[in-house]
Amino acid sequence: MIKLRLKRFGKKREASFRLVACNSTSRRDGRPLQELGFYNPRTKETRLDAEALRVRLSQGAQPTDAVRFLLEKGGLLEKKVRPAETIGKLKQTAAREAAVKQAAKDAAEAKAAEAAAASESTES
């Protein structure tokens, strides 16, 4: 299977990446079938060979997550919400709602305790 992935190059701690098409079993920095673009994470510079990428995608090449993000940003792929993102967002909203309920409950208990303390002080 053909994969679209990032191939690292550049100096130590100053990495840049080439977007390449390669066999899924080959090494990260192995010889690619074709170079399709460039990405520099420090300057956010991105250059994509749109026509070659469209050809590879039509042939069934599978992009990695990082490459998929770059292609969505470049407008070559439609932004697609993956199931893991949906589930994560649902869990986050459920946790937020639970936190709000707990905070309201704590506030009500504190108010009731304050009212009880005030009524005891007025009775004495």
PDB file of N, CA and C in Angstrom:
ATOM      1  N   MET A   1       0.840  -1.173   0.000  1.00  0.00           N
ATOM      2  CA  MET A   1       0.000   0.000   0.000  1.00  0.00           C
ATOM      3  C   MET A   1       0.890   1.243   0.000  1.00  0.00           C
ATOM      4  N   ILE A   2       0.466   2.252  -0.724  1.00  0.00           N
ATOM      5  CA  ILE A   2       1.203   3.517  -0.805  1.00  0.00           C
ATOM      6  C   ILE A   2       0.731   4.425   0.338  1.00  0.00           C
ATOM      7  N   LYS A   3       1.694   5.008   1.041  1.00  0.00           N
ATOM      8  CA  LYS A   3       1.401   5.939   2.129  1.00  0.00           C
ATOM      9  C   LYS A   3       1.940   7.314   1.765  1.00  0.00           C
ATOM     10  N   LEU A   4       1.222   8.337   2.148  1.00  0.00           N
ATOM     11  CA  LEU A   4       1.722   9.708   2.061  1.00  0.00           C
ATOM     12  C   LEU A   4       2.184  10.065   3.454  1.00  0.00           C
ATOM     13  N   ARG A   5       3.473  10.305   3.617  1.00  0.00           N
ATOM     14  CA  ARG A   5       4.015  10.576   4.950  1.00  0.00           C
ATOM     15  C   ARG A   5       5.076  11.655   4.898  1.00  0.00           C
ATOM     16  N   LEU A   6       5.535  12.067   6.083  1.00  0.00           N
ATOM     17  CA  LEU A   6       6.563  13.090   6.177  1.00  0.00           C
ATOM     18  C   LEU A   6       7.921  12.430   6.329  1.00  0.00           C
ATOM     19  N   LYS A   7       8.898  12.913   5.578  1.00  0.00           N
ATOM     20  CA  LYS A   7      10.272  12.425   5.652  1.00  0.00           C
ATOM     21  C   LYS A   7      11.113  13.533   6.259  1.00  0.00           C
ATOM     22  N   ARG A   8      11.775  13.242   7.363  1.00  0.00           N
ATOM     23  CA  ARG A   8      12.518  14.255   8.101  1.00  0.00           C
ATOM     24  C   ARG A   8      13.859  14.539   7.431  1.00  0.00           C
ATOM     25  N   PHE A   9      14.234  15.815   7.388  1.00  0.00           N
ATOM     26  CA  PHE A   9      15.573  16.196   6.966  1.00  0.00           C
ATOM     27  C   PHE A   9      15.916  17.514   7.627  1.00  0.00           C
ATOM     28  N   GLY A  10      17.156  17.945   7.516  1.00  0.00           N
ATOM     29  CA  GLY A  10      17.587  19.190   8.138  1.00  0.00           C
ATOM     30  C   GLY A  10      18.558  18.922   9.278  1.00  0.00           C
ATOM     31  N   LYS A  11      18.991  20.001   9.926  1.00  0.00           N
ATOM     32  CA  LYS A  11      19.953  19.879  11.013  1.00  0.00           C
ATOM     33  C   LYS A  11      19.288  19.363  12.284  1.00  0.00           C
ATOM     34  N   LYS A  12      20.129  18.999  13.248  1.00  0.00           N
ATOM     35  CA  LYS A  12      19.613  18.587  14.547  1.00  0.00           C
ATOM     36  C   LYS A  12      18.804  19.721  15.153  1.00  0.00           C
ATOM     37  N   ARG A  13      17.688  19.392  15.726  1.00  0.00           N
ATOM     38  CA  ARG A  13      16.791  20.343  16.391  1.00  0.00           C
ATOM     39  C   ARG A  13      16.253  21.430  15.465  1.00  0.00           C
ATOM     40  N   GLU A  14      16.490  21.304  14.194  1.00  0.00           N
ATOM     41  CA  GLU A  14      15.944  22.237  13.210  1.00  0.00           C
ATOM     42  C   GLU A  14      15.349  21.439  12.055  1.00  0.00           C
ATOM     43  N   ALA A  15      14.445  20.570  12.384  1.00  0.00           N
ATOM     44  CA  ALA A  15      13.905  19.646  11.398  1.00  0.00           C
ATOM     45  C   ALA A  15      12.986  20.343  10.405  1.00  0.00           C
ATOM     46  N   SER A  16      13.024  19.867   9.198  1.00  0.00           N
ATOM     47  CA  SER A  16      12.060  20.196   8.165  1.00  0.00           C
ATOM     48  C   SER A  16      11.598  18.856   7.614  1.00  0.00           C
ATOM     49  N   PHE A  17      10.512  18.881   6.884  1.00  0.00           N
ATOM     50  CA  PHE A  17       9.963  17.621   6.396  1.00  0.00           C
ATOM     51  C   PHE A  17       9.612  17.730   4.928  1.00  0.00           C
ATOM     52  N   ARG A  18       9.811  16.624   4.221  1.00  0.00           N
ATOM     53  CA  ARG A  18       9.346  16.507   2.851  1.00  0.00           C
ATOM     54  C   ARG A  18       8.129  15.602   2.873  1.00  0.00           C
ATOM     55  N   LEU A  19       7.117  15.967   2.129  1.00  0.00           N
ATOM     56  CA  LEU A  19       5.932  15.133   2.005  1.00  0.00           C
ATOM     57  C   LEU A  19       6.200  14.175   0.849  1.00  0.00           C
ATOM     58  N   VAL A  20       6.203  12.872   1.142  1.00  0.00           N
ATOM     59  CA  VAL A  20       6.581  11.893   0.133  1.00  0.00           C
ATOM     60  C   VAL A  20       5.546  10.775   0.038  1.00  0.00           C
ATOM     61  N   ALA A  21       5.529  10.127  -1.116  1.00  0.00           N
ATOM     62  CA  ALA A  21       4.755   8.914  -1.323  1.00  0.00           C
ATOM     63  C   ALA A  21       5.736   7.757  -1.271  1.00  0.00           C
ATOM     64  N   CYS A  22       5.446   6.778  -0.420  1.00  0.00           N
ATOM     65  CA  CYS A  22       6.338   5.625  -0.316  1.00  0.00           C
ATOM     66  C   CYS A  22       5.537   4.385   0.056  1.00  0.00           C
ATOM     67  N   ASN A  23       6.194   3.260  -0.042  1.00  0.00           N
ATOM     68  CA  ASN A  23       5.569   2.000   0.327  1.00  0.00           C
ATOM     69  C   ASN A  23       5.364   1.985   1.838  1.00  0.00           C
ATOM     70  N   SER A  24       4.275   1.410   2.317  1.00  0.00           N
ATOM     71  CA  SER A  24       3.962   1.452   3.745  1.00  0.00           C
ATOM     72  C   SER A  24       4.968   0.675   4.594  1.00  0.00           C
ATOM     73  N   THR A  25       5.728  -0.240   3.983  1.00  0.00           N
ATOM     74  CA  THR A  25       6.684  -1.030   4.758  1.00  0.00           C
ATOM     75  C   THR A  25       8.082  -0.432   4.765  1.00  0.00           C
ATOM     76  N   SER A  26       8.287   0.652   4.021  1.00  0.00           N
ATOM     77  CA  SER A  26       9.630   1.238   3.968  1.00  0.00           C
ATOM     78  C   SER A  26       9.895   2.112   5.189  1.00  0.00           C
ATOM     79  N   ARG A  27      11.184   2.385   5.430  1.00  0.00           N
ATOM     80  CA  ARG A  27      11.594   3.199   6.581  1.00  0.00           C
ATOM     81  C   ARG A  27      11.147   4.646   6.398  1.00  0.00           C
ATOM     82  N   ARG A  28      11.114   5.384   7.521  1.00  0.00           N
ATOM     83  CA  ARG A  28      10.674   6.780   7.468  1.00  0.00           C
ATOM     84  C   ARG A  28      11.542   7.608   6.534  1.00  0.00           C
ATOM     85  N   ASP A  29      12.846   7.432   6.626  1.00  0.00           N
ATOM     86  CA  ASP A  29      13.758   8.219   5.808  1.00  0.00           C
ATOM     87  C   ASP A  29      14.307   7.428   4.627  1.00  0.00           C
ATOM     88  N   GLY A  30      13.618   6.350   4.259  1.00  0.00           N
ATOM     89  CA  GLY A  30      14.053   5.547   3.130  1.00  0.00           C
ATOM     90  C   GLY A  30      13.775   6.254   1.810  1.00  0.00           C
ATOM     91  N   ARG A  31      14.115   5.587   0.735  1.00  0.00           N
ATOM     92  CA  ARG A  31      13.952   6.180  -0.594  1.00  0.00           C
ATOM     93  C   ARG A  31      12.462   6.235  -0.953  1.00  0.00           C
ATOM     94  N   PRO A  32      11.946   7.419  -1.257  1.00  0.00           N
ATOM     95  CA  PRO A  32      10.515   7.546  -1.578  1.00  0.00           C
ATOM     96  C   PRO A  32      10.231   7.216  -3.042  1.00  0.00           C
ATOM     97  N   LEU A  33       8.979   6.945  -3.343  1.00  0.00           N
ATOM     98  CA  LEU A  33       8.557   6.767  -4.729  1.00  0.00           C
ATOM     99  C   LEU A  33       8.499   8.118  -5.433  1.00  0.00           C
ATOM    100  N   GLN A  34       8.039   9.145  -4.678  1.00  0.00           N
ATOM    101  CA  GLN A  34       7.888  10.472  -5.267  1.00  0.00           C
ATOM    102  C   GLN A  34       7.840  11.519  -4.149  1.00  0.00           C
ATOM    103  N   GLU A  35       8.467  12.662  -4.370  1.00  0.00           N
ATOM    104  CA  GLU A  35       8.376  13.777  -3.420  1.00  0.00           C
ATOM    105  C   GLU A  35       7.241  14.684  -3.863  1.00  0.00           C
ATOM    106  N   LEU A  36       6.352  15.003  -2.918  1.00  0.00           N
ATOM    107  CA  LEU A  36       5.129  15.730  -3.266  1.00  0.00           C
ATOM    108  C   LEU A  36       5.002  17.100  -2.621  1.00  0.00           C
ATOM    109  N   GLY A  37       5.925  17.432  -1.721  1.00  0.00           N
ATOM    110  CA  GLY A  37       5.804  18.729  -1.072  1.00  0.00           C
ATOM    111  C   GLY A  37       6.845  18.921   0.008  1.00  0.00           C
ATOM    112  N   PHE A  38       6.679  20.003   0.748  1.00  0.00           N
ATOM    113  CA  PHE A  38       7.638  20.404   1.759  1.00  0.00           C
ATOM    114  C   PHE A  38       6.882  21.053   2.909  1.00  0.00           C
ATOM    115  N   TYR A  39       7.350  20.840   4.159  1.00  0.00           N
ATOM    116  CA  TYR A  39       6.732  21.462   5.328  1.00  0.00           C
ATOM    117  C   TYR A  39       7.812  21.823   6.336  1.00  0.00           C
ATOM    118  N   ASN A  40       7.818  23.084   6.768  1.00  0.00           N
ATOM    119  CA  ASN A  40       8.742  23.546   7.794  1.00  0.00           C
ATOM    120  C   ASN A  40       7.913  23.942   9.017  1.00  0.00           C
ATOM    121  N   PRO A  41       7.954  23.157  10.108  1.00  0.00           N
ATOM    122  CA  PRO A  41       7.114  23.447  11.268  1.00  0.00           C
ATOM    123  C   PRO A  41       7.506  24.707  12.027  1.00  0.00           C
ATOM    124  N   ARG A  42       8.752  25.156  11.891  1.00  0.00           N
ATOM    125  CA  ARG A  42       9.190  26.361  12.614  1.00  0.00           C
ATOM    126  C   ARG A  42       8.607  27.623  11.994  1.00  0.00           C
ATOM    127  N   THR A  43       8.607  27.690  10.669  1.00  0.00           N
ATOM    128  CA  THR A  43       8.087  28.876   9.987  1.00  0.00           C
ATOM    129  C   THR A  43       6.677  28.647   9.456  1.00  0.00           C
ATOM    130  N   LYS A  44       6.154  27.443   9.595  1.00  0.00           N
ATOM    131  CA  LYS A  44       4.830  27.046   9.087  1.00  0.00           C
ATOM    132  C   LYS A  44       4.747  27.154   7.562  1.00  0.00           C
ATOM    133  N   GLU A  45       5.896  27.139   6.890  1.00  0.00           N
ATOM    134  CA  GLU A  45       5.921  27.199   5.433  1.00  0.00           C
ATOM    135  C   GLU A  45       5.518  25.842   4.875  1.00  0.00           C
ATOM    136  N   THR A  46       4.599  25.850   3.930  1.00  0.00           N
ATOM    137  CA  THR A  46       4.134  24.613   3.310  1.00  0.00           C
ATOM    138  C   THR A  46       4.068  24.811   1.808  1.00  0.00           C
ATOM    139  N   ARG A  47       4.670  23.883   1.060  1.00  0.00           N
ATOM    140  CA  ARG A  47       4.563  23.880  -0.393  1.00  0.00           C
ATOM    141  C   ARG A  47       4.075  22.507  -0.808  1.00  0.00           C
ATOM    142  N   LEU A  48       2.980  22.453  -1.545  1.00  0.00           N
ATOM    143  CA  LEU A  48       2.410  21.183  -1.966  1.00  0.00           C
ATOM    144  C   LEU A  48       2.302  21.142  -3.492  1.00  0.00           C
ATOM    145  N   ASP A  49       2.648  19.989  -4.065  1.00  0.00           N
ATOM    146  CA  ASP A  49       2.457  19.766  -5.491  1.00  0.00           C
ATOM    147  C   ASP A  49       1.037  19.209  -5.657  1.00  0.00           C
ATOM    148  N   ALA A  50       0.081  20.112  -5.849  1.00  0.00           N
ATOM    149  CA  ALA A  50      -1.333  19.753  -5.812  1.00  0.00           C
ATOM    150  C   ALA A  50      -1.700  18.697  -6.857  1.00  0.00           C
ATOM    151  N   GLU A  51      -1.196  18.857  -8.062  1.00  0.00           N
ATOM    152  CA  GLU A  51      -1.576  17.912  -9.124  1.00  0.00           C
ATOM    153  C   GLU A  51      -1.065  16.501  -8.823  1.00  0.00           C
ATOM    154  N   ALA A  52       0.190  16.396  -8.400  1.00  0.00           N
ATOM    155  CA  ALA A  52       0.755  15.077  -8.075  1.00  0.00           C
ATOM    156  C   ALA A  52       0.046  14.461  -6.874  1.00  0.00           C
ATOM    157  N   LEU A  53      -0.326  15.283  -5.907  1.00  0.00           N
ATOM    158  CA  LEU A  53      -1.052  14.772  -4.743  1.00  0.00           C
ATOM    159  C   LEU A  53      -2.428  14.239  -5.138  1.00  0.00           C
ATOM    160  N   ARG A  54      -3.115  14.966  -6.021  1.00  0.00           N
ATOM    161  CA  ARG A  54      -4.430  14.481  -6.477  1.00  0.00           C
ATOM    162  C   ARG A  54      -4.306  13.132  -7.191  1.00  0.00           C
ATOM    163  N   VAL A  55      -3.251  12.991  -8.000  1.00  0.00           N
ATOM    164  CA  VAL A  55      -3.035  11.725  -8.716  1.00  0.00           C
ATOM    165  C   VAL A  55      -2.807  10.591  -7.717  1.00  0.00           C
ATOM    166  N   ARG A  56      -1.931  10.821  -6.728  1.00  0.00           N
ATOM    167  CA  ARG A  56      -1.635   9.781  -5.737  1.00  0.00           C
ATOM    168  C   ARG A  56      -2.869   9.428  -4.910  1.00  0.00           C
ATOM    169  N   LEU A  57      -3.651  10.427  -4.521  1.00  0.00           N
ATOM    170  CA  LEU A  57      -4.858  10.157  -3.743  1.00  0.00           C
ATOM    171  C   LEU A  57      -5.878   9.386  -4.567  1.00  0.00           C
ATOM    172  N   SER A  58      -5.970   9.691  -5.865  1.00  0.00           N
ATOM    173  CA  SER A  58      -6.907   8.962  -6.729  1.00  0.00           C
ATOM    174  C   SER A  58      -6.456   7.516  -6.939  1.00  0.00           C
ATOM    175  N   GLN A  59      -5.145   7.260  -6.800  1.00  0.00           N
ATOM    176  CA  GLN A  59      -4.633   5.899  -6.922  1.00  0.00           C
ATOM    177  C   GLN A  59      -4.834   5.095  -5.646  1.00  0.00           C
ATOM    178  N   GLY A  60      -5.302   5.748  -4.578  1.00  0.00           N
ATOM    179  CA  GLY A  60      -5.580   5.038  -3.336  1.00  0.00           C
ATOM    180  C   GLY A  60      -4.541   5.211  -2.251  1.00  0.00           C
ATOM    181  N   ALA A  61      -3.655   6.186  -2.388  1.00  0.00           N
ATOM    182  CA  ALA A  61      -2.643   6.412  -1.356  1.00  0.00           C
ATOM    183  C   ALA A  61      -3.316   6.898  -0.075  1.00  0.00           C
ATOM    184  N   GLN A  62      -2.831   6.411   1.069  1.00  0.00           N
ATOM    185  CA  GLN A  62      -3.403   6.761   2.369  1.00  0.00           C
ATOM    186  C   GLN A  62      -2.495   7.740   3.098  1.00  0.00           C
ATOM    187  N   PRO A  63      -2.990   8.951   3.426  1.00  0.00           N
ATOM    188  CA  PRO A  63      -2.155   9.902   4.162  1.00  0.00           C
ATOM    189  C   PRO A  63      -2.121   9.570   5.651  1.00  0.00           C
ATOM    190  N   THR A  64      -1.001   9.861   6.301  1.00  0.00           N
ATOM    191  CA  THR A  64      -0.921   9.738   7.752  1.00  0.00           C
ATOM    192  C   THR A  64      -1.703  10.903   8.359  1.00  0.00           C
ATOM    193  N   ASP A  65      -1.887  10.902   9.674  1.00  0.00           N
ATOM    194  CA  ASP A  65      -2.665  11.953  10.331  1.00  0.00           C
ATOM    195  C   ASP A  65      -2.047  13.328  10.119  1.00  0.00           C
ATOM    196  N   ALA A  66      -0.720  13.425  10.254  1.00  0.00           N
ATOM    197  CA  ALA A  66      -0.048  14.714  10.075  1.00  0.00           C
ATOM    198  C   ALA A  66      -0.211  15.212   8.638  1.00  0.00           C
ATOM    199  N   VAL A  67      -0.065  14.326   7.688  1.00  0.00           N
ATOM    200  CA  VAL A  67      -0.200  14.706   6.277  1.00  0.00           C
ATOM    201  C   VAL A  67      -1.653  15.062   5.972  1.00  0.00           C
ATOM    202  N   ARG A  68      -2.588  14.314   6.544  1.00  0.00           N
ATOM    203  CA  ARG A  68      -4.009  14.615   6.337  1.00  0.00           C
ATOM    204  C   ARG A  68      -4.318  16.039   6.801  1.00  0.00           C
ATOM    205  N   PHE A  69      -3.771  16.439   7.959  1.00  0.00           N
ATOM    206  CA  PHE A  69      -3.978  17.787   8.473  1.00  0.00           C
ATOM    207  C   PHE A  69      -3.422  18.826   7.499  1.00  0.00           C
ATOM    208  N   LEU A  70      -2.223  18.578   6.954  1.00  0.00           N
ATOM    209  CA  LEU A  70      -1.625  19.520   5.998  1.00  0.00           C
ATOM    210  C   LEU A  70      -2.460  19.612   4.719  1.00  0.00           C
ATOM    211  N   LEU A  71      -2.980  18.478   4.256  1.00  0.00           N
ATOM    212  CA  LEU A  71      -3.784  18.475   3.037  1.00  0.00           C
ATOM    213  C   LEU A  71      -5.123  19.180   3.255  1.00  0.00           C
ATOM    214  N   GLU A  72      -5.714  19.004   4.440  1.00  0.00           N
ATOM    215  CA  GLU A  72      -6.958  19.706   4.756  1.00  0.00           C
ATOM    216  C   GLU A  72      -6.706  21.210   4.819  1.00  0.00           C
ATOM    217  N   LYS A  73      -5.573  21.585   5.403  1.00  0.00           N
ATOM    218  CA  LYS A  73      -5.215  22.992   5.511  1.00  0.00           C
ATOM    219  C   LYS A  73      -4.950  23.591   4.130  1.00  0.00           C
ATOM    220  N   GLY A  74      -4.364  22.794   3.237  1.00  0.00           N
ATOM    221  CA  GLY A  74      -4.071  23.243   1.881  1.00  0.00           C
ATOM    222  C   GLY A  74      -5.267  23.191   0.953  1.00  0.00           C
ATOM    223  N   GLY A  75      -6.380  22.622   1.398  1.00  0.00           N
ATOM    224  CA  GLY A  75      -7.592  22.572   0.601  1.00  0.00           C
ATOM    225  C   GLY A  75      -7.667  21.411  -0.376  1.00  0.00           C
ATOM    226  N   LEU A  76      -6.796  20.424  -0.231  1.00  0.00           N
ATOM    227  CA  LEU A  76      -6.824  19.273  -1.147  1.00  0.00           C
ATOM    228  C   LEU A  76      -7.768  18.171  -0.659  1.00  0.00           C
ATOM    229  N   LEU A  77      -8.038  18.143   0.640  1.00  0.00           N
ATOM    230  CA  LEU A  77      -8.985  17.179   1.199  1.00  0.00           C
ATOM    231  C   LEU A  77     -10.059  17.932   1.967  1.00  0.00           C
ATOM    232  N   GLU A  78     -11.265  17.345   2.008  1.00  0.00           N
ATOM    233  CA  GLU A  78     -12.314  17.927   2.839  1.00  0.00           C
ATOM    234  C   GLU A  78     -12.004  17.621   4.291  1.00  0.00           C
ATOM    235  N   LYS A  79     -12.294  18.578   5.148  1.00  0.00           N
ATOM    236  CA  LYS A  79     -12.073  18.353   6.570  1.00  0.00           C
ATOM    237  C   LYS A  79     -13.075  17.318   7.034  1.00  0.00           C
ATOM    238  N   LYS A  80     -12.552  16.245   7.612  1.00  0.00           N
ATOM    239  CA  LYS A  80     -13.385  15.127   8.017  1.00  0.00           C
ATOM    240  C   LYS A  80     -13.219  14.926   9.520  1.00  0.00           C
ATOM    241  N   VAL A  81     -14.325  14.898  10.244  1.00  0.00           N
ATOM    242  CA  VAL A  81     -14.254  14.684  11.686  1.00  0.00           C
ATOM    243  C   VAL A  81     -14.151  13.183  11.925  1.00  0.00           C
ATOM    244  N   ARG A  82     -13.082  12.798  12.584  1.00  0.00           N
ATOM    245  CA  ARG A  82     -12.875  11.379  12.850  1.00  0.00           C
ATOM    246  C   ARG A  82     -13.660  10.968  14.085  1.00  0.00           C
ATOM    247  N   PRO A  83     -14.085   9.704  14.198  1.00  0.00           N
ATOM    248  CA  PRO A  83     -14.889   9.250  15.334  1.00  0.00           C
ATOM    249  C   PRO A  83     -14.230   9.493  16.687  1.00  0.00           C
ATOM    250  N   ALA A  84     -12.917   9.385  16.753  1.00  0.00           N
ATOM    251  CA  ALA A  84     -12.223   9.593  18.020  1.00  0.00           C
ATOM    252  C   ALA A  84     -12.404  11.033  18.500  1.00  0.00           C
ATOM    253  N   GLU A  85     -12.399  11.981  17.570  1.00  0.00           N
ATOM    254  CA  GLU A  85     -12.598  13.383  17.936  1.00  0.00           C
ATOM    255  C   GLU A  85     -14.007  13.593  18.479  1.00  0.00           C
ATOM    256  N   THR A  86     -14.993  12.968  17.833  1.00  0.00           N
ATOM    257  CA  THR A  86     -16.378  13.116  18.264  1.00  0.00           C
ATOM    258  C   THR A  86     -16.565  12.561  19.662  1.00  0.00           C
ATOM    259  N   ILE A  87     -16.027  11.381  19.905  1.00  0.00           N
ATOM    260  CA  ILE A  87     -16.156  10.751  21.221  1.00  0.00           C
ATOM    261  C   ILE A  87     -15.453  11.595  22.274  1.00  0.00           C
ATOM    262  N   GLY A  88     -14.275  12.118  21.950  1.00  0.00           N
ATOM    263  CA  GLY A  88     -13.536  12.961  22.886  1.00  0.00           C
ATOM    264  C   GLY A  88     -14.318  14.217  23.245  1.00  0.00           C
ATOM    265  N   LYS A  89     -14.955  14.832  22.252  1.00  0.00           N
ATOM    266  CA  LYS A  89     -15.735  16.042  22.508  1.00  0.00           C
ATOM    267  C   LYS A  89     -16.958  15.729  23.359  1.00  0.00           C
ATOM    268  N   LEU A  90     -17.588  14.581  23.117  1.00  0.00           N
ATOM    269  CA  LEU A  90     -18.746  14.196  23.930  1.00  0.00           C
ATOM    270  C   LEU A  90     -18.339  13.984  25.387  1.00  0.00           C
ATOM    271  N   LYS A  91     -17.197  13.340  25.592  1.00  0.00           N
ATOM    272  CA  LYS A  91     -16.714  13.123  26.959  1.00  0.00           C
ATOM    273  C   LYS A  91     -16.391  14.445  27.639  1.00  0.00           C
ATOM    274  N   GLN A  92     -15.799  15.373  26.894  1.00  0.00           N
ATOM    275  CA  GLN A  92     -15.467  16.679  27.465  1.00  0.00           C
ATOM    276  C   GLN A  92     -16.723  17.434  27.876  1.00  0.00           C
ATOM    277  N   THR A  93     -17.757  17.423  27.042  1.00  0.00           N
ATOM    278  CA  THR A  93     -18.987  18.138  27.391  1.00  0.00           C
ATOM    279  C   THR A  93     -19.669  17.475  28.581  1.00  0.00           C
ATOM    280  N   ALA A  94     -19.644  16.149  28.653  1.00  0.00           N
ATOM    281  CA  ALA A  94     -20.236  15.452  29.793  1.00  0.00           C
ATOM    282  C   ALA A  94     -19.488  15.795  31.079  1.00  0.00           C
ATOM    283  N   ALA A  95     -18.171  15.856  31.010  1.00  0.00           N
ATOM    284  CA  ALA A  95     -17.373  16.205  32.186  1.00  0.00           C
ATOM    285  C   ALA A  95     -17.637  17.646  32.606  1.00  0.00           C
ATOM    286  N   ARG A  96     -17.778  18.549  31.639  1.00  0.00           N
ATOM    287  CA  ARG A  96     -18.074  19.953  31.952  1.00  0.00           C
ATOM    288  C   ARG A  96     -19.424  20.083  32.642  1.00  0.00           C
ATOM    289  N   GLU A  97     -20.445  19.374  32.114  1.00  0.00           N
ATOM    290  CA  GLU A  97     -21.781  19.428  32.718  1.00  0.00           C
ATOM    291  C   GLU A  97     -21.766  18.871  34.131  1.00  0.00           C
ATOM    292  N   ALA A  98     -21.020  17.785  34.339  1.00  0.00           N
ATOM    293  CA  ALA A  98     -20.921  17.202  35.677  1.00  0.00           C
ATOM    294  C   ALA A  98     -20.240  18.172  36.637  1.00  0.00           C
ATOM    295  N   ALA A  99     -19.232  18.882  36.169  1.00  0.00           N
ATOM    296  CA  ALA A  99     -18.533  19.853  37.014  1.00  0.00           C
ATOM    297  C   ALA A  99     -19.454  21.010  37.385  1.00  0.00           C
ATOM    298  N   VAL A 100     -20.271  21.469  36.432  1.00  0.00           N
ATOM    299  CA  VAL A 100     -21.206  22.557  36.707  1.00  0.00           C
ATOM    300  C   VAL A 100     -22.250  22.117  37.735  1.00  0.00           C
ATOM    301  N   LYS A 101     -22.772  20.896  37.579  1.00  0.00           N
ATOM    302  CA  LYS A 101     -23.754  20.376  38.538  1.00  0.00           C
ATOM    303  C   LYS A 101     -23.151  20.264  39.927  1.00  0.00           C
ATOM    304  N   GLN A 102     -21.913  19.760  40.002  1.00  0.00           N
ATOM    305  CA  GLN A 102     -21.239  19.614  41.293  1.00  0.00           C
ATOM    306  C   GLN A 102     -21.006  20.976  41.940  1.00  0.00           C
ATOM    307  N   ALA A 103     -20.621  21.965  41.151  1.00  0.00           N
ATOM    308  CA  ALA A 103     -20.385  23.314  41.680  1.00  0.00           C
ATOM    309  C   ALA A 103     -21.686  23.907  42.202  1.00  0.00           C
ATOM    310  N   ALA A 104     -22.801  23.707  41.479  1.00  0.00           N
ATOM    311  CA  ALA A 104     -24.104  24.215  41.925  1.00  0.00           C
ATOM    312  C   ALA A 104     -24.532  23.536  43.224  1.00  0.00           C
ATOM    313  N   LYS A 105     -24.281  22.235  43.297  1.00  0.00           N
ATOM    314  CA  LYS A 105     -24.636  21.479  44.508  1.00  0.00           C
ATOM    315  C   LYS A 105     -23.820  21.979  45.701  1.00  0.00           C
ATOM    316  N   ASP A 106     -22.519  22.179  45.496  1.00  0.00           N
ATOM    317  CA  ASP A 106     -21.659  22.682  46.575  1.00  0.00           C
ATOM    318  C   ASP A 106     -22.093  24.076  47.020  1.00  0.00           C
ATOM    319  N   ALA A 107     -22.459  24.924  46.050  1.00  0.00           N
ATOM    320  CA  ALA A 107     -22.902  26.279  46.385  1.00  0.00           C
ATOM    321  C   ALA A 107     -24.196  26.244  47.187  1.00  0.00           C
ATOM    322  N   ALA A 108     -25.124  25.350  46.826  1.00  0.00           N
ATOM    323  CA  ALA A 108     -26.389  25.229  47.552  1.00  0.00           C
ATOM    324  C   ALA A 108     -26.151  24.735  48.975  1.00  0.00           C
ATOM    325  N   GLU A 109     -25.257  23.767  49.136  1.00  0.00           N
ATOM    326  CA  GLU A 109     -24.935  23.256  50.473  1.00  0.00           C
ATOM    327  C   GLU A 109     -24.290  24.341  51.331  1.00  0.00           C
ATOM    328  N   ALA A 110     -23.397  25.116  50.736  1.00  0.00           N
ATOM    329  CA  ALA A 110     -22.735  26.196  51.475  1.00  0.00           C
ATOM    330  C   ALA A 110     -23.756  27.257  51.893  1.00  0.00           C
ATOM    331  N   LYS A 111     -24.700  27.568  51.031  1.00  0.00           N
ATOM    332  CA  LYS A 111     -25.729  28.562  51.340  1.00  0.00           C
ATOM    333  C   LYS A 111     -26.634  28.058  52.459  1.00  0.00           C
ATOM    334  N   ALA A 112     -26.986  26.758  52.403  1.00  0.00           N
ATOM    335  CA  ALA A 112     -27.835  26.176  53.444  1.00  0.00           C
ATOM    336  C   ALA A 112     -27.108  26.167  54.787  1.00  0.00           C
ATOM    337  N   ALA A 113     -25.829  25.843  54.782  1.00  0.00           N
ATOM    338  CA  ALA A 113     -25.049  25.830  56.024  1.00  0.00           C
ATOM    339  C   ALA A 113     -24.930  27.247  56.579  1.00  0.00           C
ATOM    340  N   GLU A 114     -24.760  28.221  55.715  1.00  0.00           N
ATOM    341  CA  GLU A 114     -24.664  29.620  56.144  1.00  0.00           C
ATOM    342  C   GLU A 114     -25.980  30.091  56.747  1.00  0.00           C
ATOM    343  N   ALA A 115     -27.100  29.700  56.125  1.00  0.00           N
ATOM    344  CA  ALA A 115     -28.421  30.078  56.630  1.00  0.00           C
ATOM    345  C   ALA A 115     -28.683  29.423  57.987  1.00  0.00           C
ATOM    346  N   ALA A 116     -28.251  28.166  58.135  1.00  0.00           N
ATOM    347  CA  ALA A 116     -28.425  27.469  59.423  1.00  0.00           C
ATOM    348  C   ALA A 116     -27.612  28.126  60.500  1.00  0.00           C
ATOM    349  N   ALA A 117     -26.388  28.531  60.166  1.00  0.00           N
ATOM    350  CA  ALA A 117     -25.519  29.206  61.151  1.00  0.00           C
ATOM    351  C   ALA A 117     -26.100  30.559  61.527  1.00  0.00           C
ATOM    352  N   ALA A 118     -26.679  31.266  60.577  1.00  0.00           N
ATOM    353  CA  ALA A 118     -27.278  32.577  60.860  1.00  0.00           C
ATOM    354  C   ALA A 118     -28.499  32.431  61.734  1.00  0.00           C
ATOM    355  N   SER A 119     -29.334  31.397  61.488  1.00  0.00           N
ATOM    356  CA  SER A 119     -30.537  31.205  62.303  1.00  0.00           C
ATOM    357  C   SER A 119     -30.177  30.788  63.738  1.00  0.00           C
ATOM    358  N   GLU A 120     -29.122  30.043  63.915  1.00  0.00           N
ATOM    359  CA  GLU A 120     -28.676  29.656  65.270  1.00  0.00           C
ATOM    360  C   GLU A 120     -28.151  30.860  66.031  1.00  0.00           C
ATOM    361  N   SER A 121     -27.452  31.741  65.369  1.00  0.00           N
ATOM    362  CA  SER A 121     -26.901  32.919  66.050  1.00  0.00           C
ATOM    363  C   SER A 121     -28.012  33.899  66.447  1.00  0.00           C
ATOM    364  N   THR A 122     -29.103  33.969  65.674  1.00  0.00           N
ATOM    365  CA  THR A 122     -30.207  34.857  66.019  1.00  0.00           C
ATOM    366  C   THR A 122     -31.045  34.285  67.163  1.00  0.00           C
ATOM    367  N   GLU A 123     -31.108  32.955  67.283  1.00  0.00           N
ATOM    368  CA  GLU A 123     -31.878  32.305  68.360  1.00  0.00           C
ATOM    369  C   GLU A 123     -31.180  32.473  69.706  1.00  0.00           C
ATOM    370  N   SER A 124     -29.862  32.521  69.736  1.00  0.00           N
ATOM    371  CA  SER A 124     -29.148  32.590  71.006  1.00  0.00           C
ATOM    372  C   SER A 124     -29.188  33.917  71.669  1.00  0.00           C
TER     373      SER A 124
END
